[in-house]
């Protein structure tokens, strides 16, 4: 079995993933960036089991990936395209996950799953007391699907496995992540735990919070013309086809996000999307 995963179809870029060495391979027309590596020592505060010391490396963040010829185009539109590689593993009973962050100035974010399967857990805190969570959403997505993060929501990405989860994302170049509140809360509103041999998914409430709402289970909307989202069309192509479709990333409060998810009626969920 090849150790290389070809990401060209889902990303629209000349990208491959070397699964043996956990690194991206860039085509000759792309900018080459080194990843920021998230290690378990940096994640202790947000784990259900804070005593864990392995696996040492959890995920890899490649920022500002793009064809060299598009450098001025991205700069002109104040946008950045990133790729994140999340390993298939467990954190004790927890599923492999990112640290979690909110967005400064309520910027949004647009993700696409390039490889594997994803759970994205979003949470919206009360403006006056962030220990009260007013909305919790679990988005289930697979390769080719897009996930929009609306203004005011923090989120984590979770890899249910069994393979790598690779995502890309567009953000405003003025965007920055706020990790502090997730660290102070010692994690997200819920911990996603593999409950038994049948791969049922269990949601463990985070006792830091005073009030939590029940989780809303959703899937991403397939197509949203105003945001340039088309089924089976990579999000990178939006910048070259009609960059104005990505303006919501720089002016998040000017847009309506009421139809970005389709609600899924379920009381039980397993790891199989």
Protein backbone atom coordinates (compact mmCIF):
# COMPACT_ATOMS: atom_id res chain seq x y z
CA UNK A 1 0.00 0.00 0.00
CA UNK A 2 1.37 3.40 -0.99
CA UNK A 3 2.40 5.77 1.78
CA UNK A 4 1.37 8.73 -0.39
CA UNK A 5 -2.15 10.15 -0.39
CA UNK A 6 -2.88 12.29 -3.43
CA UNK A 7 -4.82 15.41 -2.39
CA UNK A 8 -5.05 17.01 -5.83
CA UNK A 9 -8.67 16.06 -6.53
CA UNK A 10 -10.09 17.46 -3.29
CA UNK A 11 -7.75 20.44 -2.86
CA UNK A 12 -7.27 21.47 -6.49
CA UNK A 13 -3.57 21.93 -5.67
CA UNK A 14 -0.53 19.74 -6.29
CA UNK A 15 -0.41 18.33 -2.77
CA UNK A 16 0.34 14.86 -1.44
CA UNK A 17 0.49 13.49 2.09
CA UNK A 18 3.38 11.24 3.07
CA UNK A 19 1.62 9.13 5.71
CA UNK A 20 4.82 7.33 6.70
CA UNK A 21 6.54 10.56 7.73
CA UNK A 22 3.43 12.63 8.51
CA UNK A 23 4.27 15.48 6.15
CA UNK A 24 2.90 17.26 3.11
CA UNK A 25 4.70 17.10 -0.22
CA UNK A 26 4.35 20.29 -2.26
CA UNK A 27 4.26 20.51 -6.05
CA UNK A 28 6.84 22.73 -7.72
CA UNK A 29 4.35 25.58 -8.31
CA UNK A 30 3.40 25.87 -4.62
CA UNK A 31 4.88 27.81 -1.76
CA UNK A 32 6.68 25.41 0.57
CA UNK A 33 6.01 25.93 4.27
CA UNK A 34 7.14 24.08 7.37
CA UNK A 35 4.38 22.97 9.72
CA UNK A 36 3.70 24.16 13.23
CA UNK A 37 3.54 20.88 15.14
CA UNK A 38 1.07 20.49 17.99
CA UNK A 39 2.58 18.22 20.64
CA UNK A 40 0.81 16.55 23.52
CA UNK A 41 2.72 18.64 26.09
CA UNK A 42 0.89 21.70 24.72
CA UNK A 43 -2.47 19.92 24.96
CA UNK A 44 -2.38 18.73 28.59
CA UNK A 45 -4.79 21.43 29.76
CA UNK A 46 -7.53 20.52 27.29
CA UNK A 47 -7.47 16.72 27.57
CA UNK A 48 -9.98 14.62 29.49
CA UNK A 49 -6.97 12.69 30.84
CA UNK A 50 -4.31 15.31 31.49
CA UNK A 51 -1.77 12.67 32.55
CA UNK A 52 -1.26 11.41 28.99
CA UNK A 53 2.22 11.70 27.51
CA UNK A 54 1.71 9.85 24.23
CA UNK A 55 1.38 10.11 21.28
CA UNK A 56 3.97 12.87 21.24
CA UNK A 57 2.89 14.62 18.01
CA UNK A 58 -0.82 15.11 17.32
CA UNK A 59 -1.30 17.33 14.30
CA UNK A 60 0.48 19.59 11.83
CA UNK A 61 -0.53 23.09 10.70
CA UNK A 62 0.74 24.35 7.35
CA UNK A 63 -0.08 28.03 7.00
CA UNK A 64 -0.26 30.17 3.86
CA UNK A 65 -0.19 27.41 1.25
CA UNK A 66 -0.84 28.56 -2.32
CA UNK A 67 0.55 28.63 -5.86
CA UNK A 68 3.39 31.14 -6.08
CA UNK A 69 1.59 32.92 -8.94
CA UNK A 70 -1.34 33.70 -6.61
CA UNK A 71 0.71 35.44 -3.90
CA UNK A 72 -0.44 38.95 -4.88
CA UNK A 73 -4.04 37.79 -5.33
CA UNK A 74 -4.23 36.48 -1.76
CA UNK A 75 -2.55 39.60 -0.42
CA UNK A 76 -4.95 41.87 -2.32
CA UNK A 77 -7.96 40.07 -0.84
CA UNK A 78 -6.50 39.78 2.69
CA UNK A 79 -6.84 36.00 2.72
CA UNK A 80 -4.79 33.00 3.84
CA UNK A 81 -5.15 29.33 2.91
CA UNK A 82 -3.96 26.71 5.41
CA UNK A 83 -3.77 22.91 5.50
CA UNK A 84 -3.97 20.85 8.70
CA UNK A 85 -3.01 17.17 9.02
CA UNK A 86 -4.48 15.33 12.04
CA UNK A 87 -3.13 11.91 12.89
CA UNK A 88 -5.36 8.83 13.35
CA UNK A 89 -4.92 7.93 17.00
CA UNK A 90 -6.56 8.19 20.41
CA UNK A 91 -5.94 10.44 23.38
CA UNK A 92 -6.74 7.84 25.99
CA UNK A 93 -10.51 7.39 25.62
CA UNK A 94 -10.82 10.62 23.65
CA UNK A 95 -10.78 10.86 19.90
CA UNK A 96 -7.82 12.69 18.38
CA UNK A 97 -8.59 16.41 18.33
CA UNK A 98 -7.23 19.92 17.93
CA UNK A 99 -6.71 22.23 20.90
CA UNK A 100 -9.72 24.43 20.14
CA UNK A 101 -9.89 28.17 19.60
CA UNK A 102 -12.14 31.18 19.29
CA UNK A 103 -11.61 33.91 16.72
CA UNK A 104 -10.51 37.43 17.58
CA UNK A 105 -12.95 40.09 16.37
CA UNK A 106 -15.49 37.34 15.58
CA UNK A 107 -13.90 36.43 12.26
CA UNK A 108 -15.35 33.38 10.53
CA UNK A 109 -13.53 30.50 8.90
CA UNK A 110 -14.19 28.16 5.98
CA UNK A 111 -12.97 24.55 6.12
CA UNK A 112 -12.90 21.76 3.59
CA UNK A 113 -12.21 18.10 4.32
CA UNK A 114 -9.52 16.97 1.88
CA UNK A 115 -9.03 13.45 3.23
CA UNK A 116 -10.75 11.30 5.82
CA UNK A 117 -13.71 12.11 8.05
CA UNK A 118 -14.28 14.93 10.50
CA UNK A 119 -16.34 15.93 13.48
CA UNK A 120 -16.30 19.67 14.11
CA UNK A 121 -17.62 20.69 17.53
CA UNK A 122 -18.73 24.32 17.64
CA UNK A 123 -19.77 26.25 20.73
CA UNK A 124 -21.13 29.75 21.27
CA UNK A 125 -20.57 31.33 24.68
CA UNK A 126 -22.78 33.90 26.33
CA UNK A 127 -21.41 37.39 25.72
CA UNK A 128 -21.43 38.22 29.44
CA UNK A 129 -20.37 34.87 30.90
CA UNK A 130 -18.32 32.47 28.78
CA UNK A 131 -19.03 29.65 31.29
CA UNK A 132 -22.55 29.60 29.86
CA UNK A 133 -22.64 27.96 26.43
CA UNK A 134 -25.70 29.00 24.45
CA UNK A 135 -25.30 26.70 21.46
CA UNK A 136 -23.34 23.53 20.70
CA UNK A 137 -23.20 22.05 17.19
CA UNK A 138 -21.57 18.84 15.99
CA UNK A 139 -20.87 18.90 12.26
CA UNK A 140 -20.22 15.58 10.54
CA UNK A 141 -18.28 15.83 7.28
CA UNK A 142 -16.31 13.69 4.86
CA UNK A 143 -13.85 14.37 2.04
CA UNK A 144 -15.12 17.07 -0.32
CA UNK A 145 -17.53 18.64 2.16
CA UNK A 146 -17.19 22.18 3.50
CA UNK A 147 -17.67 23.45 7.06
CA UNK A 148 -18.37 27.11 7.77
CA UNK A 149 -17.52 28.53 11.18
CA UNK A 150 -19.92 31.43 11.79
CA UNK A 151 -18.98 34.51 13.82
CA UNK A 152 -19.01 34.10 17.59
CA UNK A 153 -18.29 30.35 17.66
CA UNK A 154 -15.25 28.53 18.95
CA UNK A 155 -14.47 25.08 17.60
CA UNK A 156 -12.35 21.96 17.67
CA UNK A 157 -11.72 19.46 14.87
CA UNK A 158 -11.91 15.78 15.76
CA UNK A 159 -10.57 12.83 13.77
CA UNK A 160 -12.75 9.73 14.32
CA UNK A 161 -10.35 7.69 12.15
CA UNK A 162 -9.43 5.18 11.04
CA UNK A 163 -7.19 7.17 8.67
CA UNK A 164 -5.67 10.64 8.56
CA UNK A 165 -7.88 13.70 8.61
CA UNK A 166 -6.62 16.46 6.31
CA UNK A 167 -8.45 19.78 6.14
CA UNK A 168 -7.87 23.04 4.34
CA UNK A 169 -9.24 26.39 5.38
CA UNK A 170 -9.64 29.97 4.24
CA UNK A 171 -9.31 32.75 6.82
CA UNK A 172 -8.85 36.49 6.75
CA UNK A 173 -5.18 37.47 6.94
CA UNK A 174 -6.24 39.68 9.88
CA UNK A 175 -7.52 36.57 11.66
CA UNK A 176 -5.80 35.10 14.71
CA UNK A 177 -6.73 32.25 17.02
CA UNK A 178 -7.65 32.70 20.70
CA UNK A 179 -6.66 29.54 22.56
CA UNK A 180 -6.83 30.97 26.08
CA UNK A 181 -10.50 30.30 26.84
CA UNK A 182 -10.25 26.65 25.81
CA UNK A 183 -7.22 26.25 28.06
CA UNK A 184 -8.94 27.98 30.98
CA UNK A 185 -12.00 25.76 30.50
CA UNK A 186 -9.74 22.69 30.23
CA UNK A 187 -11.28 21.77 26.90
CA UNK A 188 -14.42 22.17 24.82
CA UNK A 189 -18.00 22.01 26.11
CA UNK A 190 -18.00 18.24 25.56
CA UNK A 191 -15.28 15.60 25.31
CA UNK A 192 -15.82 13.12 22.46
CA UNK A 193 -15.09 9.63 23.74
CA UNK A 194 -15.11 6.21 22.10
CA UNK A 195 -17.44 4.37 24.47
CA UNK A 196 -17.11 0.69 23.56
CA UNK A 197 -16.13 -1.93 21.01
CA UNK A 198 -19.12 -0.99 18.85
CA UNK A 199 -17.57 2.42 18.28
CA UNK A 200 -20.47 4.30 19.81
CA UNK A 201 -19.61 7.90 20.49
CA UNK A 202 -20.11 9.26 23.99
CA UNK A 203 -20.25 12.93 24.91
CA UNK A 204 -18.80 13.78 28.32
CA UNK A 205 -19.83 17.18 29.67
CA UNK A 206 -17.05 19.53 30.70
CA UNK A 207 -17.73 20.39 34.35
CA UNK A 208 -16.04 23.78 34.00
CA UNK A 209 -19.16 25.22 32.39
CA UNK A 210 -22.14 26.44 34.42
CA UNK A 211 -24.63 25.72 31.69
CA UNK A 212 -24.55 23.66 28.50
CA UNK A 213 -27.19 23.20 25.83
CA UNK A 214 -27.87 19.83 24.18
CA UNK A 215 -25.80 19.16 21.08
CA UNK A 216 -27.37 19.90 17.70
CA UNK A 217 -26.25 17.34 15.12
CA UNK A 218 -25.84 18.73 11.60
CA UNK A 219 -24.30 18.16 8.21
CA UNK A 220 -22.87 20.89 5.97
CA UNK A 221 -25.06 22.41 3.29
CA UNK A 222 -23.91 21.06 -0.07
CA UNK A 223 -23.99 24.28 -2.08
CA UNK A 224 -24.16 27.94 -1.08
CA UNK A 225 -23.85 30.15 -4.13
CA UNK A 226 -23.31 33.42 -2.25
CA UNK A 227 -20.20 31.95 -0.59
CA UNK A 228 -18.97 30.23 -3.75
CA UNK A 229 -19.48 26.75 -2.30
CA UNK A 230 -20.16 24.03 -4.86
CA UNK A 231 -20.30 20.30 -4.38
CA UNK A 232 -17.11 18.57 -5.60
CA UNK A 233 -15.43 21.93 -6.25
CA UNK A 234 -12.37 22.74 -4.05
CA UNK A 235 -12.59 25.88 -1.96
CA UNK A 236 -9.18 27.04 -3.21
CA UNK A 237 -10.68 27.69 -6.65
CA UNK A 238 -12.99 30.37 -5.23
CA UNK A 239 -10.10 32.85 -5.01
CA UNK A 240 -9.33 32.54 -8.73
CA UNK A 241 -12.93 32.29 -9.97
CA UNK A 242 -14.63 35.00 -7.89
CA UNK A 243 -12.67 36.26 -4.89
CA UNK A 244 -15.59 38.45 -3.76
CA UNK A 245 -17.37 35.26 -2.66
CA UNK A 246 -14.85 35.09 0.20
CA UNK A 247 -15.49 38.62 1.47
CA UNK A 248 -17.50 37.19 4.36
CA UNK A 249 -14.19 36.17 5.93
CA UNK A 250 -13.13 39.80 6.21
CA UNK A 251 -16.61 41.22 6.94
CA UNK A 252 -18.27 38.41 8.92
CA UNK A 253 -21.06 40.44 10.50
CA UNK A 254 -22.48 41.48 7.11
CA UNK A 255 -23.70 38.02 6.13
CA UNK A 256 -26.47 35.55 6.96
CA UNK A 257 -25.40 32.08 8.14
CA UNK A 258 -28.82 30.59 8.90
CA UNK A 259 -28.66 27.98 6.12
CA UNK A 260 -25.07 26.74 6.36
CA UNK A 261 -26.07 23.48 8.12
CA UNK A 262 -28.71 20.80 7.64
CA UNK A 263 -30.05 19.41 10.91
CA UNK A 264 -29.77 15.65 11.46
CA UNK A 265 -32.31 14.04 13.78
CA UNK A 266 -30.45 11.60 16.01
CA UNK A 267 -30.12 10.63 19.66
CA UNK A 268 -27.17 8.30 19.20
CA UNK A 269 -24.15 8.53 16.98
CA UNK A 270 -21.24 6.24 16.27
CA UNK A 271 -17.87 6.87 14.69
CA UNK A 272 -19.06 5.97 11.20
CA UNK A 273 -20.24 9.05 9.32
